[in-house]
Each structure stands twice: as C-alpha cells, then as structure tokens.
Amino acid sequence: MSAMEVIFVAKADCGNCERVRQALTRVHHEYRHVEVREVDPDEPEGHSLATKHGIIMLPALIVDERLRLVGEMSEKEIRHEIEKLRRNSRH
C-alpha cells in the first residue's frame, strides 16, 4: 500500500492546534502508512496551501491533497477520514 499524505496546517502558538497535534500523533502511531507533515500558514509552503484550499481557520487537515477537516476536530474524526480514504484506495 502506498503512503497516504496528511498535511497538518497549524501554528505553534495555537492552543487548538496543539490539541489536534497530540490527537494526530496518537493516530499516526496506529496508521504507520500515513506520512504526516506539519506546515505553518505564515511560511511560503503553508501560505500557498492555505490559499489553494481556502483555509481561513486553523488547524486544518489536508489528506491526499484534499481539505478534509478544519477547526475543532477530534481524534475520532481524524481516524474516520484516514479510514475512509484507506477503504476507497482498496477499490
């Protein structure tokens, strides 16, 4: 199975971003095939992604090049998005 890329758009000083960062870390331990990368929207790459996907709230989760979750997100919601794509990639 090829790796699924998850891009976490977040800022270091964002409290909600930190909660989601911790949830994403726990999820990543279960889904080793997932490549997780964090970008800051104030940096060039993060700004480009935020503009491309219309992100106006943090944090945001881009999974396989599609914006999936924005703002408050639970560990369960993150798992659900990864599972949904994993099931679809098998077909």
PDB file of N, CA and C in Angstrom:
ATOM      1  N   MET A   1       0.851  -1.173   0.000  1.00  0.00           N
ATOM      2  CA  MET A   1       0.000   0.000   0.000  1.00  0.00           C
ATOM      3  C   MET A   1       0.891   1.229   0.000  1.00  0.00           C
ATOM      4  N   SER A   2       0.585   2.209  -0.851  1.00  0.00           N
ATOM      5  CA  SER A   2       1.383   3.427  -0.881  1.00  0.00           C
ATOM      6  C   SER A   2       0.995   4.310   0.299  1.00  0.00           C
ATOM      7  N   ALA A   3       1.912   5.154   0.674  1.00  0.00           N
ATOM      8  CA  ALA A   3       1.692   6.018   1.825  1.00  0.00           C
ATOM      9  C   ALA A   3       0.645   7.085   1.511  1.00  0.00           C
ATOM     10  N   MET A   4      -0.165   7.363   2.481  1.00  0.00           N
ATOM     11  CA  MET A   4      -1.153   8.415   2.395  1.00  0.00           C
ATOM     12  C   MET A   4      -0.529   9.653   3.045  1.00  0.00           C
ATOM     13  N   GLU A   5      -0.620  10.794   2.394  1.00  0.00           N
ATOM     14  CA  GLU A   5      -0.025  12.005   2.962  1.00  0.00           C
ATOM     15  C   GLU A   5      -1.074  12.845   3.672  1.00  0.00           C
ATOM     16  N   VAL A   6      -0.746  13.220   4.898  1.00  0.00           N
ATOM     17  CA  VAL A   6      -1.573  14.112   5.693  1.00  0.00           C
ATOM     18  C   VAL A   6      -0.748  15.361   5.959  1.00  0.00           C
ATOM     19  N   ILE A   7      -1.292  16.499   5.580  1.00  0.00           N
ATOM     20  CA  ILE A   7      -0.626  17.771   5.857  1.00  0.00           C
ATOM     21  C   ILE A   7      -1.451  18.488   6.913  1.00  0.00           C
ATOM     22  N   PHE A   8      -0.790  18.798   8.011  1.00  0.00           N
ATOM     23  CA  PHE A   8      -1.410  19.469   9.142  1.00  0.00           C
ATOM     24  C   PHE A   8      -1.007  20.939   9.075  1.00  0.00           C
ATOM     25  N   VAL A   9      -1.972  21.811   8.810  1.00  0.00           N
ATOM     26  CA  VAL A   9      -1.706  23.240   8.722  1.00  0.00           C
ATOM     27  C   VAL A   9      -2.022  23.839  10.086  1.00  0.00           C
ATOM     28  N   ALA A  10      -0.970  24.351  10.751  1.00  0.00           N
ATOM     29  CA  ALA A  10      -1.139  24.817  12.124  1.00  0.00           C
ATOM     30  C   ALA A  10      -0.067  25.820  12.487  1.00  0.00           C
ATOM     31  N   LYS A  11      -0.306  26.523  13.594  1.00  0.00           N
ATOM     32  CA  LYS A  11       0.681  27.458  14.129  1.00  0.00           C
ATOM     33  C   LYS A  11       1.122  26.954  15.500  1.00  0.00           C
ATOM     34  N   ALA A  12       2.345  27.271  15.857  1.00  0.00           N
ATOM     35  CA  ALA A  12       2.906  26.816  17.129  1.00  0.00           C
ATOM     36  C   ALA A  12       2.174  27.409  18.331  1.00  0.00           C
ATOM     37  N   ASP A  13       1.669  28.630  18.208  1.00  0.00           N
ATOM     38  CA  ASP A  13       1.045  29.307  19.347  1.00  0.00           C
ATOM     39  C   ASP A  13      -0.478  29.177  19.382  1.00  0.00           C
ATOM     40  N   CYS A  14      -1.004  28.168  18.736  1.00  0.00           N
ATOM     41  CA  CYS A  14      -2.456  27.943  18.647  1.00  0.00           C
ATOM     42  C   CYS A  14      -2.829  26.791  19.589  1.00  0.00           C
ATOM     43  N   GLY A  15      -3.611  27.087  20.617  1.00  0.00           N
ATOM     44  CA  GLY A  15      -3.992  26.070  21.595  1.00  0.00           C
ATOM     45  C   GLY A  15      -4.759  24.908  20.983  1.00  0.00           C
ATOM     46  N   ASN A  16      -5.726  25.212  20.130  1.00  0.00           N
ATOM     47  CA  ASN A  16      -6.495  24.150  19.486  1.00  0.00           C
ATOM     48  C   ASN A  16      -5.600  23.328  18.567  1.00  0.00           C
ATOM     49  N   CYS A  17      -4.631  23.996  17.927  1.00  0.00           N
ATOM     50  CA  CYS A  17      -3.692  23.281  17.052  1.00  0.00           C
ATOM     51  C   CYS A  17      -2.900  22.259  17.862  1.00  0.00           C
ATOM     52  N   GLU A  18      -2.523  22.629  19.074  1.00  0.00           N
ATOM     53  CA  GLU A  18      -1.755  21.716  19.921  1.00  0.00           C
ATOM     54  C   GLU A  18      -2.592  20.495  20.302  1.00  0.00           C
ATOM     55  N   ARG A  19      -3.861  20.685  20.625  1.00  0.00           N
ATOM     56  CA  ARG A  19      -4.740  19.549  20.957  1.00  0.00           C
ATOM     57  C   ARG A  19      -4.867  18.601  19.766  1.00  0.00           C
ATOM     58  N   VAL A  20      -5.051  19.172  18.582  1.00  0.00           N
ATOM     59  CA  VAL A  20      -5.183  18.351  17.373  1.00  0.00           C
ATOM     60  C   VAL A  20      -3.846  17.697  17.038  1.00  0.00           C
ATOM     61  N   ARG A  21      -2.747  18.402  17.256  1.00  0.00           N
ATOM     62  CA  ARG A  21      -1.403  17.846  17.022  1.00  0.00           C
ATOM     63  C   ARG A  21      -1.209  16.582  17.865  1.00  0.00           C
ATOM     64  N   GLN A  22      -1.618  16.629  19.127  1.00  0.00           N
ATOM     65  CA  GLN A  22      -1.493  15.461  20.006  1.00  0.00           C
ATOM     66  C   GLN A  22      -2.378  14.311  19.528  1.00  0.00           C
ATOM     67  N   ALA A  23      -3.602  14.621  19.107  1.00  0.00           N
ATOM     68  CA  ALA A  23      -4.502  13.584  18.577  1.00  0.00           C
ATOM     69  C   ALA A  23      -3.921  12.975  17.306  1.00  0.00           C
ATOM     70  N   LEU A  24      -3.375  13.810  16.449  1.00  0.00           N
ATOM     71  CA  LEU A  24      -2.785  13.335  15.202  1.00  0.00           C
ATOM     72  C   LEU A  24      -1.579  12.439  15.475  1.00  0.00           C
ATOM     73  N   THR A  25      -0.815  12.761  16.490  1.00  0.00           N
ATOM     74  CA  THR A  25       0.335  11.926  16.874  1.00  0.00           C
ATOM     75  C   THR A  25      -0.141  10.543  17.310  1.00  0.00           C
ATOM     76  N   ARG A  26      -1.200  10.502  18.110  1.00  0.00           N
ATOM     77  CA  ARG A  26      -1.748   9.203  18.547  1.00  0.00           C
ATOM     78  C   ARG A  26      -2.263   8.399  17.350  1.00  0.00           C
ATOM     79  N   VAL A  27      -2.966   9.047  16.441  1.00  0.00           N
ATOM     80  CA  VAL A  27      -3.498   8.373  15.255  1.00  0.00           C
ATOM     81  C   VAL A  27      -2.347   7.857  14.388  1.00  0.00           C
ATOM     82  N   HIS A  28      -1.296   8.648  14.259  1.00  0.00           N
ATOM     83  CA  HIS A  28      -0.162   8.253  13.431  1.00  0.00           C
ATOM     84  C   HIS A  28       0.497   6.978  13.950  1.00  0.00           C
ATOM     85  N   HIS A  29       0.478   6.759  15.255  1.00  0.00           N
ATOM     86  CA  HIS A  29       1.049   5.529  15.822  1.00  0.00           C
ATOM     87  C   HIS A  29       0.282   4.292  15.345  1.00  0.00           C
ATOM     88  N   GLU A  30      -1.000   4.454  15.061  1.00  0.00           N
ATOM     89  CA  GLU A  30      -1.827   3.334  14.595  1.00  0.00           C
ATOM     90  C   GLU A  30      -1.774   3.145  13.081  1.00  0.00           C
ATOM     91  N   TYR A  31      -1.518   4.204  12.372  1.00  0.00           N
ATOM     92  CA  TYR A  31      -1.531   4.167  10.908  1.00  0.00           C
ATOM     93  C   TYR A  31      -0.145   4.545  10.398  1.00  0.00           C
ATOM     94  N   ARG A  32       0.756   3.588  10.423  1.00  0.00           N
ATOM     95  CA  ARG A  32       2.150   3.845  10.028  1.00  0.00           C
ATOM     96  C   ARG A  32       2.287   4.161   8.546  1.00  0.00           C
ATOM     97  N   HIS A  33       1.330   3.752   7.734  1.00  0.00           N
ATOM     98  CA  HIS A  33       1.386   4.039   6.301  1.00  0.00           C
ATOM     99  C   HIS A  33       1.079   5.507   5.994  1.00  0.00           C
ATOM    100  N   VAL A  34       0.683   6.261   7.002  1.00  0.00           N
ATOM    101  CA  VAL A  34       0.344   7.668   6.820  1.00  0.00           C
ATOM    102  C   VAL A  34       1.584   8.528   7.054  1.00  0.00           C
ATOM    103  N   GLU A  35       1.911   9.359   6.089  1.00  0.00           N
ATOM    104  CA  GLU A  35       3.003  10.322   6.230  1.00  0.00           C
ATOM    105  C   GLU A  35       2.394  11.638   6.694  1.00  0.00           C
ATOM    106  N   VAL A  36       2.811  12.105   7.863  1.00  0.00           N
ATOM    107  CA  VAL A  36       2.274  13.336   8.423  1.00  0.00           C
ATOM    108  C   VAL A  36       3.327  14.433   8.329  1.00  0.00           C
ATOM    109  N   ARG A  37       2.893  15.568   7.825  1.00  0.00           N
ATOM    110  CA  ARG A  37       3.783  16.716   7.684  1.00  0.00           C
ATOM    111  C   ARG A  37       3.047  17.944   8.203  1.00  0.00           C
ATOM    112  N   GLU A  38       3.719  18.747   8.999  1.00  0.00           N
ATOM    113  CA  GLU A  38       3.106  19.968   9.516  1.00  0.00           C
ATOM    114  C   GLU A  38       3.681  21.180   8.803  1.00  0.00           C
ATOM    115  N   VAL A  39       2.789  22.098   8.440  1.00  0.00           N
ATOM    116  CA  VAL A  39       3.226  23.349   7.814  1.00  0.00           C
ATOM    117  C   VAL A  39       2.570  24.530   8.528  1.00  0.00           C
ATOM    118  N   ASP A  40       3.291  25.636   8.564  1.00  0.00           N
ATOM    119  CA  ASP A  40       2.812  26.865   9.183  1.00  0.00           C
ATOM    120  C   ASP A  40       2.268  27.769   8.075  1.00  0.00           C
ATOM    121  N   PRO A  41       1.052  28.294   8.227  1.00  0.00           N
ATOM    122  CA  PRO A  41       0.484  29.134   7.166  1.00  0.00           C
ATOM    123  C   PRO A  41       1.224  30.448   6.955  1.00  0.00           C
ATOM    124  N   ASP A  42       2.120  30.805   7.878  1.00  0.00           N
ATOM    125  CA  ASP A  42       2.911  32.021   7.709  1.00  0.00           C
ATOM    126  C   ASP A  42       4.180  31.780   6.894  1.00  0.00           C
ATOM    127  N   GLU A  43       4.499  30.514   6.659  1.00  0.00           N
ATOM    128  CA  GLU A  43       5.654  30.161   5.833  1.00  0.00           C
ATOM    129  C   GLU A  43       5.179  30.012   4.380  1.00  0.00           C
ATOM    130  N   PRO A  44       6.084  30.135   3.409  1.00  0.00           N
ATOM    131  CA  PRO A  44       5.662  30.093   1.994  1.00  0.00           C
ATOM    132  C   PRO A  44       4.837  28.855   1.603  1.00  0.00           C
ATOM    133  N   GLU A  45       5.287  27.664   1.971  1.00  0.00           N
ATOM    134  CA  GLU A  45       4.540  26.459   1.586  1.00  0.00           C
ATOM    135  C   GLU A  45       3.165  26.433   2.242  1.00  0.00           C
ATOM    136  N   GLY A  46       3.125  26.735   3.525  1.00  0.00           N
ATOM    137  CA  GLY A  46       1.855  26.750   4.256  1.00  0.00           C
ATOM    138  C   GLY A  46       0.904  27.804   3.719  1.00  0.00           C
ATOM    139  N   HIS A  47       1.432  28.962   3.388  1.00  0.00           N
ATOM    140  CA  HIS A  47       0.608  30.035   2.831  1.00  0.00           C
ATOM    141  C   HIS A  47       0.022  29.612   1.484  1.00  0.00           C
ATOM    142  N   SER A  48       0.848  28.983   0.667  1.00  0.00           N
ATOM    143  CA  SER A  48       0.403  28.508  -0.633  1.00  0.00           C
ATOM    144  C   SER A  48      -0.720  27.477  -0.490  1.00  0.00           C
ATOM    145  N   LEU A  49      -0.541  26.521   0.433  1.00  0.00           N
ATOM    146  CA  LEU A  49      -1.576  25.502   0.658  1.00  0.00           C
ATOM    147  C   LEU A  49      -2.854  26.119   1.213  1.00  0.00           C
ATOM    148  N   ALA A  50      -2.710  27.047   2.153  1.00  0.00           N
ATOM    149  CA  ALA A  50      -3.885  27.702   2.740  1.00  0.00           C
ATOM    150  C   ALA A  50      -4.671  28.455   1.671  1.00  0.00           C
ATOM    151  N   THR A  51      -3.959  29.126   0.774  1.00  0.00           N
ATOM    152  CA  THR A  51      -4.608  29.855  -0.317  1.00  0.00           C
ATOM    153  C   THR A  51      -5.282  28.884  -1.285  1.00  0.00           C
ATOM    154  N   LYS A  52      -4.566  27.858  -1.674  1.00  0.00           N
ATOM    155  CA  LYS A  52      -5.092  26.871  -2.638  1.00  0.00           C
ATOM    156  C   LYS A  52      -6.375  26.209  -2.130  1.00  0.00           C
ATOM    157  N   HIS A  53      -6.416  25.896  -0.826  1.00  0.00           N
ATOM    158  CA  HIS A  53      -7.553  25.166  -0.260  1.00  0.00           C
ATOM    159  C   HIS A  53      -8.576  26.079   0.422  1.00  0.00           C
ATOM    160  N   GLY A  54      -8.345  27.386   0.399  1.00  0.00           N
ATOM    161  CA  GLY A  54      -9.294  28.322   1.004  1.00  0.00           C
ATOM    162  C   GLY A  54      -9.367  28.211   2.520  1.00  0.00           C
ATOM    163  N   ILE A  55      -8.258  27.888   3.153  1.00  0.00           N
ATOM    164  CA  ILE A  55      -8.237  27.715   4.606  1.00  0.00           C
ATOM    165  C   ILE A  55      -8.246  29.089   5.270  1.00  0.00           C
ATOM    166  N   ILE A  56      -9.264  29.322   6.105  1.00  0.00           N
ATOM    167  CA  ILE A  56      -9.355  30.593   6.825  1.00  0.00           C
ATOM    168  C   ILE A  56      -9.378  30.373   8.341  1.00  0.00           C
ATOM    169  N   MET A  57      -9.342  29.119   8.767  1.00  0.00           N
ATOM    170  CA  MET A  57      -9.356  28.785  10.180  1.00  0.00           C
ATOM    171  C   MET A  57      -8.346  27.677  10.432  1.00  0.00           C
ATOM    172  N   LEU A  58      -7.729  27.721  11.596  1.00  0.00           N
ATOM    173  CA  LEU A  58      -6.757  26.690  11.974  1.00  0.00           C
ATOM    174  C   LEU A  58      -7.274  25.895  13.156  1.00  0.00           C
ATOM    175  N   PRO A  59      -6.800  24.661  13.271  1.00  0.00           N
ATOM    176  CA  PRO A  59      -5.949  23.935  12.341  1.00  0.00           C
ATOM    177  C   PRO A  59      -6.752  23.404  11.166  1.00  0.00           C
ATOM    178  N   ALA A  60      -6.027  22.901  10.194  1.00  0.00           N
ATOM    179  CA  ALA A  60      -6.662  22.296   9.023  1.00  0.00           C
ATOM    180  C   ALA A  60      -5.905  21.031   8.670  1.00  0.00           C
ATOM    181  N   LEU A  61      -6.638  20.063   8.152  1.00  0.00           N
ATOM    182  CA  LEU A  61      -6.042  18.789   7.777  1.00  0.00           C
ATOM    183  C   LEU A  61      -6.308  18.530   6.299  1.00  0.00           C
ATOM    184  N   ILE A  62      -5.231  18.407   5.549  1.00  0.00           N
ATOM    185  CA  ILE A  62      -5.310  18.090   4.124  1.00  0.00           C
ATOM    186  C   ILE A  62      -4.863  16.642   3.988  1.00  0.00           C
ATOM    187  N   VAL A  63      -5.732  15.806   3.456  1.00  0.00           N
ATOM    188  CA  VAL A  63      -5.428  14.382   3.313  1.00  0.00           C
ATOM    189  C   VAL A  63      -5.459  14.036   1.836  1.00  0.00           C
ATOM    190  N   ASP A  64      -4.345  13.523   1.355  1.00  0.00           N
ATOM    191  CA  ASP A  64      -4.210  13.189  -0.071  1.00  0.00           C
ATOM    192  C   ASP A  64      -4.677  14.337  -0.963  1.00  0.00           C
ATOM    193  N   GLU A  65      -4.154  15.517  -0.665  1.00  0.00           N
ATOM    194  CA  GLU A  65      -4.357  16.723  -1.469  1.00  0.00           C
ATOM    195  C   GLU A  65      -5.772  17.291  -1.427  1.00  0.00           C
ATOM    196  N   ARG A  66      -6.586  16.861  -0.462  1.00  0.00           N
ATOM    197  CA  ARG A  66      -7.938  17.413  -0.329  1.00  0.00           C
ATOM    198  C   ARG A  66      -8.141  17.893   1.097  1.00  0.00           C
ATOM    199  N   LEU A  67      -8.705  19.072   1.242  1.00  0.00           N
ATOM    200  CA  LEU A  67      -9.013  19.606   2.558  1.00  0.00           C
ATOM    201  C   LEU A  67     -10.110  18.748   3.166  1.00  0.00           C
ATOM    202  N   ARG A  68      -9.842  18.173   4.337  1.00  0.00           N
ATOM    203  CA  ARG A  68     -10.789  17.251   4.956  1.00  0.00           C
ATOM    204  C   ARG A  68     -11.420  17.791   6.228  1.00  0.00           C
ATOM    205  N   LEU A  69     -10.621  18.402   7.102  1.00  0.00           N
ATOM    206  CA  LEU A  69     -11.125  18.892   8.378  1.00  0.00           C
ATOM    207  C   LEU A  69     -10.532  20.268   8.668  1.00  0.00           C
ATOM    208  N   VAL A  70     -11.340  21.133   9.300  1.00  0.00           N
ATOM    209  CA  VAL A  70     -10.889  22.476   9.660  1.00  0.00           C
ATOM    210  C   VAL A  70     -11.427  22.820  11.047  1.00  0.00           C
ATOM    211  N   GLY A  71     -10.601  23.493  11.837  1.00  0.00           N
ATOM    212  CA  GLY A  71     -11.031  23.940  13.162  1.00  0.00           C
ATOM    213  C   GLY A  71     -11.003  22.801  14.167  1.00  0.00           C
ATOM    214  N   GLU A  72     -11.993  22.791  15.046  1.00  0.00           N
ATOM    215  CA  GLU A  72     -12.088  21.732  16.047  1.00  0.00           C
ATOM    216  C   GLU A  72     -12.224  20.383  15.346  1.00  0.00           C
ATOM    217  N   MET A  73     -11.386  19.443  15.716  1.00  0.00           N
ATOM    218  CA  MET A  73     -11.508  18.089  15.163  1.00  0.00           C
ATOM    219  C   MET A  73     -11.050  17.101  16.221  1.00  0.00           C
ATOM    220  N   SER A  74     -11.769  16.025  16.312  1.00  0.00           N
ATOM    221  CA  SER A  74     -11.452  15.016  17.319  1.00  0.00           C
ATOM    222  C   SER A  74     -10.561  13.929  16.722  1.00  0.00           C
ATOM    223  N   GLU A  75      -9.977  13.173  17.610  1.00  0.00           N
ATOM    224  CA  GLU A  75      -9.174  12.025  17.189  1.00  0.00           C
ATOM    225  C   GLU A  75     -10.044  11.061  16.369  1.00  0.00           C
ATOM    226  N   LYS A  76     -11.293  10.911  16.787  1.00  0.00           N
ATOM    227  CA  LYS A  76     -12.227  10.033  16.075  1.00  0.00           C
ATOM    228  C   LYS A  76     -12.465  10.532  14.642  1.00  0.00           C
ATOM    229  N   GLU A  77     -12.615  11.839  14.468  1.00  0.00           N
ATOM    230  CA  GLU A  77     -12.836  12.398  13.132  1.00  0.00           C
ATOM    231  C   GLU A  77     -11.601  12.213  12.243  1.00  0.00           C
ATOM    232  N   ILE A  78     -10.423  12.377  12.832  1.00  0.00           N
ATOM    233  CA  ILE A  78      -9.184  12.181  12.068  1.00  0.00           C
ATOM    234  C   ILE A  78      -9.095  10.732  11.604  1.00  0.00           C
ATOM    235  N   ARG A  79      -9.344   9.795  12.521  1.00  0.00           N
ATOM    236  CA  ARG A  79      -9.334   8.366  12.166  1.00  0.00           C
ATOM    237  C   ARG A  79     -10.335   8.069  11.057  1.00  0.00           C
ATOM    238  N   HIS A  80     -11.519   8.651  11.191  1.00  0.00           N
ATOM    239  CA  HIS A  80     -12.582   8.415  10.216  1.00  0.00           C
ATOM    240  C   HIS A  80     -12.137   8.837   8.810  1.00  0.00           C
ATOM    241  N   GLU A  81     -11.503  10.005   8.680  1.00  0.00           N
ATOM    242  CA  GLU A  81     -11.039  10.479   7.374  1.00  0.00           C
ATOM    243  C   GLU A  81      -9.969   9.553   6.789  1.00  0.00           C
ATOM    244  N   ILE A  82      -9.053   9.095   7.636  1.00  0.00           N
ATOM    245  CA  ILE A  82      -7.993   8.199   7.167  1.00  0.00           C
ATOM    246  C   ILE A  82      -8.577   6.856   6.757  1.00  0.00           C
ATOM    247  N   GLU A  83      -9.489   6.328   7.565  1.00  0.00           N
ATOM    248  CA  GLU A  83     -10.130   5.037   7.242  1.00  0.00           C
ATOM    249  C   GLU A  83     -10.932   5.126   5.953  1.00  0.00           C
ATOM    250  N   LYS A  84     -11.655   6.226   5.780  1.00  0.00           N
ATOM    251  CA  LYS A  84     -12.470   6.414   4.581  1.00  0.00           C
ATOM    252  C   LYS A  84     -11.583   6.368   3.332  1.00  0.00           C
ATOM    253  N   LEU A  85     -10.464   7.060   3.371  1.00  0.00           N
ATOM    254  CA  LEU A  85      -9.573   7.065   2.215  1.00  0.00           C
ATOM    255  C   LEU A  85      -8.890   5.717   2.032  1.00  0.00           C
ATOM    256  N   ARG A  86      -8.563   5.074   3.127  1.00  0.00           N
ATOM    257  CA  ARG A  86      -7.920   3.762   3.038  1.00  0.00           C
ATOM    258  C   ARG A  86      -8.863   2.748   2.384  1.00  0.00           C
ATOM    259  N   ARG A  87     -10.127   2.780   2.764  1.00  0.00           N
ATOM    260  CA  ARG A  87     -11.119   1.875   2.151  1.00  0.00           C
ATOM    261  C   ARG A  87     -11.279   2.173   0.679  1.00  0.00           C
ATOM    262  N   ASN A  88     -11.350   3.467   0.325  1.00  0.00           N
ATOM    263  CA  ASN A  88     -11.519   3.858  -1.076  1.00  0.00           C
ATOM    264  C   ASN A  88     -10.308   3.487  -1.919  1.00  0.00           C
ATOM    265  N   SER A  89      -9.127   3.510  -1.331  1.00  0.00           N
ATOM    266  CA  SER A  89      -7.925   3.192  -2.110  1.00  0.00           C
ATOM    267  C   SER A  89      -7.799   1.701  -2.401  1.00  0.00           C
ATOM    268  N   ARG A  90      -8.543   0.891  -1.708  1.00  0.00           N
ATOM    269  CA  ARG A  90      -8.523  -0.569  -1.943  1.00  0.00           C
ATOM    270  C   ARG A  90      -9.353  -0.965  -3.147  1.00  0.00           C
ATOM    271  N   HIS A  91     -10.265  -0.091  -3.542  1.00  0.00           N
ATOM    272  CA  HIS A  91     -11.169  -0.424  -4.670  1.00  0.00           C
ATOM    273  C   HIS A  91     -10.594  -0.013  -5.979  1.00  0.00           C
TER     274      HIS A  91
END
